[in-house]
Amino acid sequence: MLTKRIIPCLDIKNGRTVKGINFLDLRDAGDPVELAEIYARTGADELVFLDISATEERRKTLADLVLRVAGKVNIPFTVGGGISSVADVDVLLQNGADKVSINSSAVKNPGLINELVAKFGSQCIVVAIDAKQIKGEWKVHLIGGKVPTELDLFQWAEEVEQRGAGEILFTSMDHDGTKDGFANEALAKLSTERNIPIIASGGAGNMQHFADTFTAGKADAALAASVFHFKEIAIWDLKEELSKQGIPMRTMNSKQ
């Protein structure tokens, strides 16, 4: 079995890391550069950096901040927010990002996935999908979860894979920030149907939630924010606990 990944997420608004509940009621969680450095040093397998207001405010991800963050870490680093062209991706990768995440722009222009894969390779392209249940069906939402669509989560995930994306980052808006656990039923369906890695996002509240999403949810990686930002869970302790439960984890040479 492939090792599972633990991925802290740095949601950025106005240059600060923020965290909310169900995509609302944001509160400050610290300096993203400092947090990135700490996570890289204390066991994170990867980082995700999302400028959550970039698409909404019609502006581009802050490339200089990406450069500063990337300069402090030695682990893979994904950047998203307001990306809508090959030129946008080129700048971010040149500034130190290992991968990029696209969301709203991919739904509006699915061919963008093909363009980016052709130019940069599938390993660089993550498609983020924000979805919530409406009348029992998972519907994709855009612009930081503010705009509902009629697009079905599982059908869109299939198209995303067919167009060549390397990974899917699925965030359950119903679970986001609640700390009640991940959307494991939907995750298991995604992981079973798709042949690319699925990153679980939304709902982490304790160590068992991570274990459950790797087992019941069959996720390849688990992303979380507040439990790490507010020091409720230490990544190294989490990886030790998951290893004890028989879940294969990447390890560090020493605990720091």
C-alpha atoms as a PDB file:
ATOM      1  CA  MET A   1       0.000   0.000   0.000  1.00  0.00           C
ATOM      2  CA  LEU A   2       1.272   3.482  -0.834  1.00  0.00           C
ATOM      3  CA  THR A   3       2.090   5.748   2.073  1.00  0.00           C
ATOM      4  CA  LYS A   4      -0.563   8.278   3.031  1.00  0.00           C
ATOM      5  CA  ARG A   5       0.118  12.002   3.087  1.00  0.00           C
ATOM      6  CA  ILE A   6      -0.662  14.647   5.714  1.00  0.00           C
ATOM      7  CA  ILE A   7      -1.118  18.086   4.162  1.00  0.00           C
ATOM      8  CA  PRO A   8      -1.614  21.327   6.105  1.00  0.00           C
ATOM      9  CA  CYS A   9      -3.598  23.895   4.124  1.00  0.00           C
ATOM     10  CA  LEU A  10      -2.822  27.596   4.321  1.00  0.00           C
ATOM     11  CA  ASP A  11      -5.879  29.563   3.220  1.00  0.00           C
ATOM     12  CA  ILE A  12      -4.675  33.084   2.487  1.00  0.00           C
ATOM     13  CA  LYS A  13      -6.675  36.310   2.537  1.00  0.00           C
ATOM     14  CA  ASN A  14      -4.978  39.694   2.448  1.00  0.00           C
ATOM     15  CA  GLY A  15      -1.616  38.071   3.078  1.00  0.00           C
ATOM     16  CA  ARG A  16      -2.672  36.264   6.268  1.00  0.00           C
ATOM     17  CA  THR A  17      -3.620  32.654   6.969  1.00  0.00           C
ATOM     18  CA  VAL A  18      -7.323  32.400   7.850  1.00  0.00           C
ATOM     19  CA  LYS A  19      -9.752  29.654   8.794  1.00  0.00           C
ATOM     20  CA  GLY A  20     -13.538  29.535   8.978  1.00  0.00           C
ATOM     21  CA  ILE A  21     -16.479  27.162   9.293  1.00  0.00           C
ATOM     22  CA  ASN A  22     -18.422  26.059   6.186  1.00  0.00           C
ATOM     23  CA  PHE A  23     -16.349  28.607   4.219  1.00  0.00           C
ATOM     24  CA  LEU A  24     -17.653  31.454   6.446  1.00  0.00           C
ATOM     25  CA  ASP A  25     -16.684  33.387   9.630  1.00  0.00           C
ATOM     26  CA  LEU A  26     -12.980  33.602   8.880  1.00  0.00           C
ATOM     27  CA  ARG A  27     -10.516  34.203  11.699  1.00  0.00           C
ATOM     28  CA  ASP A  28      -6.804  34.928  11.620  1.00  0.00           C
ATOM     29  CA  ALA A  29      -4.514  31.924  11.991  1.00  0.00           C
ATOM     30  CA  GLY A  30      -1.089  33.502  11.600  1.00  0.00           C
ATOM     31  CA  ASP A  31       1.637  34.400   9.142  1.00  0.00           C
ATOM     32  CA  PRO A  32       1.711  31.950   6.211  1.00  0.00           C
ATOM     33  CA  VAL A  33       5.486  32.071   5.811  1.00  0.00           C
ATOM     34  CA  GLU A  34       6.088  31.216   9.466  1.00  0.00           C
ATOM     35  CA  LEU A  35       3.476  28.457   9.416  1.00  0.00           C
ATOM     36  CA  ALA A  36       4.874  26.945   6.234  1.00  0.00           C
ATOM     37  CA  GLU A  37       8.345  26.804   7.723  1.00  0.00           C
ATOM     38  CA  ILE A  38       7.078  25.165  10.915  1.00  0.00           C
ATOM     39  CA  TYR A  39       5.067  22.542   9.044  1.00  0.00           C
ATOM     40  CA  ALA A  40       7.952  21.652   6.743  1.00  0.00           C
ATOM     41  CA  ARG A  41      10.133  21.171   9.797  1.00  0.00           C
ATOM     42  CA  THR A  42       7.680  19.139  11.864  1.00  0.00           C
ATOM     43  CA  GLY A  43       6.466  16.357   9.629  1.00  0.00           C
ATOM     44  CA  ALA A  44       4.137  17.662   6.913  1.00  0.00           C
ATOM     45  CA  ASP A  45       4.404  15.694   3.686  1.00  0.00           C
ATOM     46  CA  GLU A  46       3.193  18.539   1.496  1.00  0.00           C
ATOM     47  CA  LEU A  47       1.628  21.987   1.805  1.00  0.00           C
ATOM     48  CA  VAL A  48      -1.290  23.590   0.017  1.00  0.00           C
ATOM     49  CA  PHE A  49      -1.419  27.369  -0.253  1.00  0.00           C
ATOM     50  CA  LEU A  50      -4.767  28.782  -1.440  1.00  0.00           C
ATOM     51  CA  ASP A  51      -5.430  32.465  -1.977  1.00  0.00           C
ATOM     52  CA  ILE A  52      -9.122  32.074  -1.208  1.00  0.00           C
ATOM     53  CA  SER A  53     -10.102  35.572  -2.306  1.00  0.00           C
ATOM     54  CA  ALA A  54      -8.157  35.639  -5.572  1.00  0.00           C
ATOM     55  CA  THR A  55     -10.947  34.359  -7.813  1.00  0.00           C
ATOM     56  CA  GLU A  56     -13.693  36.281  -6.052  1.00  0.00           C
ATOM     57  CA  GLU A  57     -11.811  39.578  -6.208  1.00  0.00           C
ATOM     58  CA  ARG A  58     -10.672  39.059  -9.800  1.00  0.00           C
ATOM     59  CA  ARG A  59      -6.989  39.276  -8.903  1.00  0.00           C
ATOM     60  CA  LYS A  60      -4.065  36.931  -9.232  1.00  0.00           C
ATOM     61  CA  THR A  61      -2.428  34.876  -6.525  1.00  0.00           C
ATOM     62  CA  LEU A  62       0.311  36.825  -4.798  1.00  0.00           C
ATOM     63  CA  ALA A  63       3.357  35.415  -6.540  1.00  0.00           C
ATOM     64  CA  ASP A  64       5.793  37.187  -4.241  1.00  0.00           C
ATOM     65  CA  LEU A  65       4.254  35.519  -1.192  1.00  0.00           C
ATOM     66  CA  VAL A  66       4.538  32.177  -2.963  1.00  0.00           C
ATOM     67  CA  LEU A  67       8.209  32.889  -3.532  1.00  0.00           C
ATOM     68  CA  ARG A  68       8.753  33.665   0.161  1.00  0.00           C
ATOM     69  CA  VAL A  69       6.902  30.561   1.341  1.00  0.00           C
ATOM     70  CA  ALA A  70       8.623  28.272  -1.150  1.00  0.00           C
ATOM     71  CA  GLY A  71      11.972  29.617  -0.019  1.00  0.00           C
ATOM     72  CA  LYS A  72      11.318  28.302   3.489  1.00  0.00           C
ATOM     73  CA  VAL A  73      10.206  24.758   2.717  1.00  0.00           C
ATOM     74  CA  ASN A  74      11.777  21.611   1.306  1.00  0.00           C
ATOM     75  CA  ILE A  75       8.584  19.634   0.713  1.00  0.00           C
ATOM     76  CA  PRO A  76       6.158  19.687  -2.246  1.00  0.00           C
ATOM     77  CA  PHE A  77       3.982  22.772  -2.316  1.00  0.00           C
ATOM     78  CA  THR A  78       0.710  23.388  -4.178  1.00  0.00           C
ATOM     79  CA  VAL A  79      -0.597  26.859  -4.972  1.00  0.00           C
ATOM     80  CA  GLY A  80      -4.136  27.855  -5.960  1.00  0.00           C
ATOM     81  CA  GLY A  81      -6.442  30.823  -6.276  1.00  0.00           C
ATOM     82  CA  GLY A  82      -7.302  32.889  -9.327  1.00  0.00           C
ATOM     83  CA  ILE A  83      -5.407  30.690 -11.773  1.00  0.00           C
ATOM     84  CA  SER A  84      -6.959  30.832 -15.229  1.00  0.00           C
ATOM     85  CA  SER A  85      -4.193  30.548 -17.818  1.00  0.00           C
ATOM     86  CA  VAL A  86      -0.920  28.899 -18.793  1.00  0.00           C
ATOM     87  CA  ALA A  87       0.815  32.193 -18.013  1.00  0.00           C
ATOM     88  CA  ASP A  88      -0.544  32.193 -14.443  1.00  0.00           C
ATOM     89  CA  VAL A  89       0.799  28.704 -13.834  1.00  0.00           C
ATOM     90  CA  ASP A  90       4.152  29.482 -15.398  1.00  0.00           C
ATOM     91  CA  VAL A  91       4.717  32.370 -12.973  1.00  0.00           C
ATOM     92  CA  LEU A  92       3.786  30.297  -9.924  1.00  0.00           C
ATOM     93  CA  LEU A  93       5.966  27.345 -10.879  1.00  0.00           C
ATOM     94  CA  GLN A  94       8.878  29.686 -11.587  1.00  0.00           C
ATOM     95  CA  ASN A  95       8.405  31.237  -8.149  1.00  0.00           C
ATOM     96  CA  GLY A  96       8.798  27.858  -6.462  1.00  0.00           C
ATOM     97  CA  ALA A  97       5.476  26.040  -6.457  1.00  0.00           C
ATOM     98  CA  ASP A  98       5.630  22.328  -7.267  1.00  0.00           C
ATOM     99  CA  LYS A  99       1.978  22.055  -8.296  1.00  0.00           C
ATOM    100  CA  VAL A 100      -0.981  24.307  -8.962  1.00  0.00           C
ATOM    101  CA  SER A 101      -4.608  23.876  -8.007  1.00  0.00           C
ATOM    102  CA  ILE A 102      -7.431  25.074 -10.233  1.00  0.00           C
ATOM    103  CA  ASN A 103     -11.110  25.106  -9.366  1.00  0.00           C
ATOM    104  CA  SER A 104     -13.628  27.636 -10.682  1.00  0.00           C
ATOM    105  CA  SER A 105     -11.621  28.306 -13.845  1.00  0.00           C
ATOM    106  CA  ALA A 106     -11.624  24.593 -14.706  1.00  0.00           C
ATOM    107  CA  VAL A 107     -15.411  24.350 -14.405  1.00  0.00           C
ATOM    108  CA  LYS A 108     -15.902  27.445 -16.554  1.00  0.00           C
ATOM    109  CA  ASN A 109     -13.318  26.283 -19.102  1.00  0.00           C
ATOM    110  CA  PRO A 110     -12.680  22.526 -18.816  1.00  0.00           C
ATOM    111  CA  GLY A 111     -10.227  22.702 -21.711  1.00  0.00           C
ATOM    112  CA  LEU A 112      -7.891  24.610 -19.397  1.00  0.00           C
ATOM    113  CA  ILE A 113      -7.076  21.293 -17.712  1.00  0.00           C
ATOM    114  CA  ASN A 114      -5.926  19.843 -21.030  1.00  0.00           C
ATOM    115  CA  GLU A 115      -3.879  22.959 -21.804  1.00  0.00           C
ATOM    116  CA  LEU A 116      -2.071  22.916 -18.472  1.00  0.00           C
ATOM    117  CA  VAL A 117      -1.403  19.174 -18.588  1.00  0.00           C
ATOM    118  CA  ALA A 118       0.002  19.471 -22.111  1.00  0.00           C
ATOM    119  CA  LYS A 119       2.294  22.317 -21.072  1.00  0.00           C
ATOM    120  CA  PHE A 120       3.409  21.286 -17.576  1.00  0.00           C
ATOM    121  CA  GLY A 121       2.516  17.597 -17.132  1.00  0.00           C
ATOM    122  CA  SER A 122      -0.261  15.968 -15.132  1.00  0.00           C
ATOM    123  CA  GLN A 123       1.931  15.707 -12.015  1.00  0.00           C
ATOM    124  CA  CYS A 124       1.722  19.508 -11.655  1.00  0.00           C
ATOM    125  CA  ILE A 125      -2.040  19.866 -12.048  1.00  0.00           C
ATOM    126  CA  VAL A 126      -4.439  19.433  -9.125  1.00  0.00           C
ATOM    127  CA  VAL A 127      -8.139  20.094  -9.650  1.00  0.00           C
ATOM    128  CA  ALA A 128      -9.903  21.229  -6.496  1.00  0.00           C
ATOM    129  CA  ILE A 129     -13.595  20.470  -6.193  1.00  0.00           C
ATOM    130  CA  ASP A 130     -15.775  22.173  -3.565  1.00  0.00           C
ATOM    131  CA  ALA A 131     -19.127  20.434  -3.191  1.00  0.00           C
ATOM    132  CA  LYS A 132     -22.057  20.154  -0.835  1.00  0.00           C
ATOM    133  CA  GLN A 133     -25.132  17.970  -0.655  1.00  0.00           C
ATOM    134  CA  ILE A 134     -28.327  19.464  -2.037  1.00  0.00           C
ATOM    135  CA  LYS A 135     -31.399  17.233  -1.797  1.00  0.00           C
ATOM    136  CA  GLY A 136     -29.122  14.233  -1.366  1.00  0.00           C
ATOM    137  CA  GLU A 137     -26.887  14.973  -4.349  1.00  0.00           C
ATOM    138  CA  TRP A 138     -23.348  16.339  -4.273  1.00  0.00           C
ATOM    139  CA  LYS A 139     -23.255  19.573  -6.277  1.00  0.00           C
ATOM    140  CA  VAL A 140     -20.106  21.455  -7.256  1.00  0.00           C
ATOM    141  CA  HIS A 141     -19.790  25.068  -6.037  1.00  0.00           C
ATOM    142  CA  LEU A 142     -17.602  27.868  -7.393  1.00  0.00           C
ATOM    143  CA  ILE A 143     -15.921  31.089  -6.220  1.00  0.00           C
ATOM    144  CA  GLY A 144     -14.954  29.889  -2.748  1.00  0.00           C
ATOM    145  CA  GLY A 145     -18.199  27.943  -2.376  1.00  0.00           C
ATOM    146  CA  LYS A 146     -20.417  30.980  -3.016  1.00  0.00           C
ATOM    147  CA  VAL A 147     -21.895  29.977  -6.386  1.00  0.00           C
ATOM    148  CA  PRO A 148     -23.822  26.685  -6.696  1.00  0.00           C
ATOM    149  CA  THR A 149     -23.907  24.780  -9.982  1.00  0.00           C
ATOM    150  CA  GLU A 150     -25.883  21.832 -11.308  1.00  0.00           C
ATOM    151  CA  LEU A 151     -22.630  19.935 -11.872  1.00  0.00           C
ATOM    152  CA  ASP A 152     -22.483  16.557 -10.143  1.00  0.00           C
ATOM    153  CA  LEU A 153     -19.356  15.902  -8.059  1.00  0.00           C
ATOM    154  CA  PHE A 154     -18.744  12.391  -9.384  1.00  0.00           C
ATOM    155  CA  GLN A 155     -19.392  13.216 -13.029  1.00  0.00           C
ATOM    156  CA  TRP A 156     -17.082  16.215 -12.827  1.00  0.00           C
ATOM    157  CA  ALA A 157     -14.383  14.128 -11.132  1.00  0.00           C
ATOM    158  CA  GLU A 158     -14.599  11.640 -13.993  1.00  0.00           C
ATOM    159  CA  GLU A 159     -14.150  14.393 -16.575  1.00  0.00           C
ATOM    160  CA  VAL A 160     -11.289  15.911 -14.605  1.00  0.00           C
ATOM    161  CA  GLU A 161      -9.438  12.606 -14.691  1.00  0.00           C
ATOM    162  CA  GLN A 162     -10.169  12.064 -18.375  1.00  0.00           C
ATOM    163  CA  ARG A 163      -8.714  15.488 -19.157  1.00  0.00           C
ATOM    164  CA  GLY A 164      -5.439  14.493 -17.504  1.00  0.00           C
ATOM    165  CA  ALA A 165      -5.378  16.058 -14.047  1.00  0.00           C
ATOM    166  CA  GLY A 166      -2.910  14.433 -11.684  1.00  0.00           C
ATOM    167  CA  GLU A 167      -4.915  14.705  -8.462  1.00  0.00           C
ATOM    168  CA  ILE A 168      -8.306  15.765  -7.119  1.00  0.00           C
ATOM    169  CA  LEU A 169      -8.646  17.823  -3.949  1.00  0.00           C
ATOM    170  CA  PHE A 170     -12.212  17.281  -2.736  1.00  0.00           C
ATOM    171  CA  THR A 171     -13.545  19.595  -0.041  1.00  0.00           C
ATOM    172  CA  SER A 172     -16.906  18.837   1.517  1.00  0.00           C
ATOM    173  CA  MET A 173     -18.453  22.222   2.256  1.00  0.00           C
ATOM    174  CA  ASP A 174     -20.855  20.505   4.645  1.00  0.00           C
ATOM    175  CA  HIS A 175     -17.933  19.281   6.744  1.00  0.00           C
ATOM    176  CA  ASP A 176     -15.515  22.194   6.384  1.00  0.00           C
ATOM    177  CA  GLY A 177     -14.402  23.543   9.765  1.00  0.00           C
ATOM    178  CA  THR A 178     -16.946  21.476  11.709  1.00  0.00           C
ATOM    179  CA  LYS A 179     -14.335  19.065  13.151  1.00  0.00           C
ATOM    180  CA  ASP A 180     -16.895  16.268  12.886  1.00  0.00           C
ATOM    181  CA  GLY A 181     -14.908  14.119  10.471  1.00  0.00           C
ATOM    182  CA  PHE A 182     -14.420  13.906   6.714  1.00  0.00           C
ATOM    183  CA  ALA A 183     -17.081  13.044   4.110  1.00  0.00           C
ATOM    184  CA  ASN A 184     -15.892   9.447   3.980  1.00  0.00           C
ATOM    185  CA  GLU A 185     -18.798   7.955   2.029  1.00  0.00           C
ATOM    186  CA  ALA A 186     -18.294  10.403  -0.845  1.00  0.00           C
ATOM    187  CA  LEU A 187     -14.526  10.037  -0.591  1.00  0.00           C
ATOM    188  CA  ALA A 188     -14.734   6.248  -0.800  1.00  0.00           C
ATOM    189  CA  LYS A 189     -16.881   6.521  -3.927  1.00  0.00           C
ATOM    190  CA  LEU A 190     -14.431   8.958  -5.508  1.00  0.00           C
ATOM    191  CA  SER A 191     -11.415   6.847  -4.577  1.00  0.00           C
ATOM    192  CA  THR A 192     -13.026   3.672  -5.888  1.00  0.00           C
ATOM    193  CA  GLU A 193     -14.186   5.163  -9.192  1.00  0.00           C
ATOM    194  CA  ARG A 194     -11.119   7.252 -10.015  1.00  0.00           C
ATOM    195  CA  ASN A 195      -7.562   6.134 -10.756  1.00  0.00           C
ATOM    196  CA  ILE A 196      -5.808   9.315  -9.617  1.00  0.00           C
ATOM    197  CA  PRO A 197      -5.052  10.314  -6.016  1.00  0.00           C
ATOM    198  CA  ILE A 198      -7.893  11.821  -3.994  1.00  0.00           C
ATOM    199  CA  ILE A 199      -7.071  14.355  -1.283  1.00  0.00           C
ATOM    200  CA  ALA A 200      -9.677  14.592   1.491  1.00  0.00           C
ATOM    201  CA  SER A 201     -10.507  18.033   2.843  1.00  0.00           C
ATOM    202  CA  GLY A 202     -13.071  19.339   5.292  1.00  0.00           C
ATOM    203  CA  GLY A 203     -13.938  18.075   8.771  1.00  0.00           C
ATOM    204  CA  ALA A 204     -10.740  17.053  10.563  1.00  0.00           C
ATOM    205  CA  GLY A 205     -11.186  17.388  14.316  1.00  0.00           C
ATOM    206  CA  ASN A 206      -9.123  14.631  15.907  1.00  0.00           C
ATOM    207  CA  MET A 207      -6.602  11.943  15.033  1.00  0.00           C
ATOM    208  CA  GLN A 208      -9.232   9.267  14.516  1.00  0.00           C
ATOM    209  CA  HIS A 209     -10.845  11.339  11.797  1.00  0.00           C
ATOM    210  CA  PHE A 210      -7.623  11.054   9.794  1.00  0.00           C
ATOM    211  CA  ALA A 211      -7.498   7.304  10.375  1.00  0.00           C
ATOM    212  CA  ASP A 212     -11.110   6.964   9.262  1.00  0.00           C
ATOM    213  CA  THR A 213     -10.604   8.901   6.038  1.00  0.00           C
ATOM    214  CA  PHE A 214      -7.630   6.714   5.102  1.00  0.00           C
ATOM    215  CA  THR A 215      -9.529   3.509   5.831  1.00  0.00           C
ATOM    216  CA  ALA A 216     -13.281   4.062   5.366  1.00  0.00           C
ATOM    217  CA  GLY A 217     -12.771   6.992   2.992  1.00  0.00           C
ATOM    218  CA  LYS A 218      -9.922   5.340   1.078  1.00  0.00           C
ATOM    219  CA  ALA A 219      -8.303   8.758   0.614  1.00  0.00           C
ATOM    220  CA  ASP A 220      -4.703   9.012  -0.563  1.00  0.00           C
ATOM    221  CA  ALA A 221      -4.019  12.157   1.448  1.00  0.00           C
ATOM    222  CA  ALA A 222      -5.735  14.200   4.148  1.00  0.00           C
ATOM    223  CA  LEU A 223      -5.694  17.969   4.225  1.00  0.00           C
ATOM    224  CA  ALA A 224      -6.519  20.057   7.286  1.00  0.00           C
ATOM    225  CA  ALA A 225      -6.096  23.579   8.556  1.00  0.00           C
ATOM    226  CA  SER A 226      -7.409  24.673  11.945  1.00  0.00           C
ATOM    227  CA  VAL A 227      -6.329  21.586  13.920  1.00  0.00           C
ATOM    228  CA  PHE A 228      -2.768  22.306  12.807  1.00  0.00           C
ATOM    229  CA  HIS A 229      -2.844  26.118  12.821  1.00  0.00           C
ATOM    230  CA  PHE A 230      -4.210  26.297  16.373  1.00  0.00           C
ATOM    231  CA  LYS A 231      -1.930  23.508  17.636  1.00  0.00           C
ATOM    232  CA  GLU A 232      -4.724  21.068  18.463  1.00  0.00           C
ATOM    233  CA  ILE A 233      -2.876  18.238  16.698  1.00  0.00           C
ATOM    234  CA  ALA A 234       0.880  17.923  16.186  1.00  0.00           C
ATOM    235  CA  ILE A 235       1.671  16.386  12.809  1.00  0.00           C
ATOM    236  CA  TRP A 236       4.422  14.128  14.106  1.00  0.00           C
ATOM    237  CA  ASP A 237       2.153  12.788  16.880  1.00  0.00           C
ATOM    238  CA  LEU A 238      -0.586  12.235  14.320  1.00  0.00           C
ATOM    239  CA  LYS A 239       1.703  10.230  12.056  1.00  0.00           C
ATOM    240  CA  GLU A 240       2.872   8.121  14.985  1.00  0.00           C
ATOM    241  CA  GLU A 241      -0.737   7.333  15.933  1.00  0.00           C
ATOM    242  CA  LEU A 242      -1.700   6.470  12.361  1.00  0.00           C
ATOM    243  CA  SER A 243       1.331   4.212  12.047  1.00  0.00           C
ATOM    244  CA  LYS A 244       0.264   2.391  15.222  1.00  0.00           C
ATOM    245  CA  GLN A 245      -3.091   1.733  13.540  1.00  0.00           C
ATOM    246  CA  GLY A 246      -1.325   0.093  10.606  1.00  0.00           C
ATOM    247  CA  ILE A 247      -1.706   3.009   8.198  1.00  0.00           C
ATOM    248  CA  PRO A 248       1.508   3.456   6.172  1.00  0.00           C
ATOM    249  CA  MET A 249       2.976   6.913   6.712  1.00  0.00           C
ATOM    250  CA  ARG A 250       6.003   8.747   5.454  1.00  0.00           C
ATOM    251  CA  THR A 251       8.455   9.243   8.304  1.00  0.00           C
ATOM    252  CA  MET A 252      11.081  11.773   9.293  1.00  0.00           C
ATOM    253  CA  ASN A 253      14.628  11.022  10.369  1.00  0.00           C
ATOM    254  CA  SER A 254      14.000  12.544  13.759  1.00  0.00           C
ATOM    255  CA  LYS A 255      11.212  14.114  15.728  1.00  0.00           C
ATOM    256  CA  GLN A 256      11.563  17.888  15.988  1.00  0.00           C
END
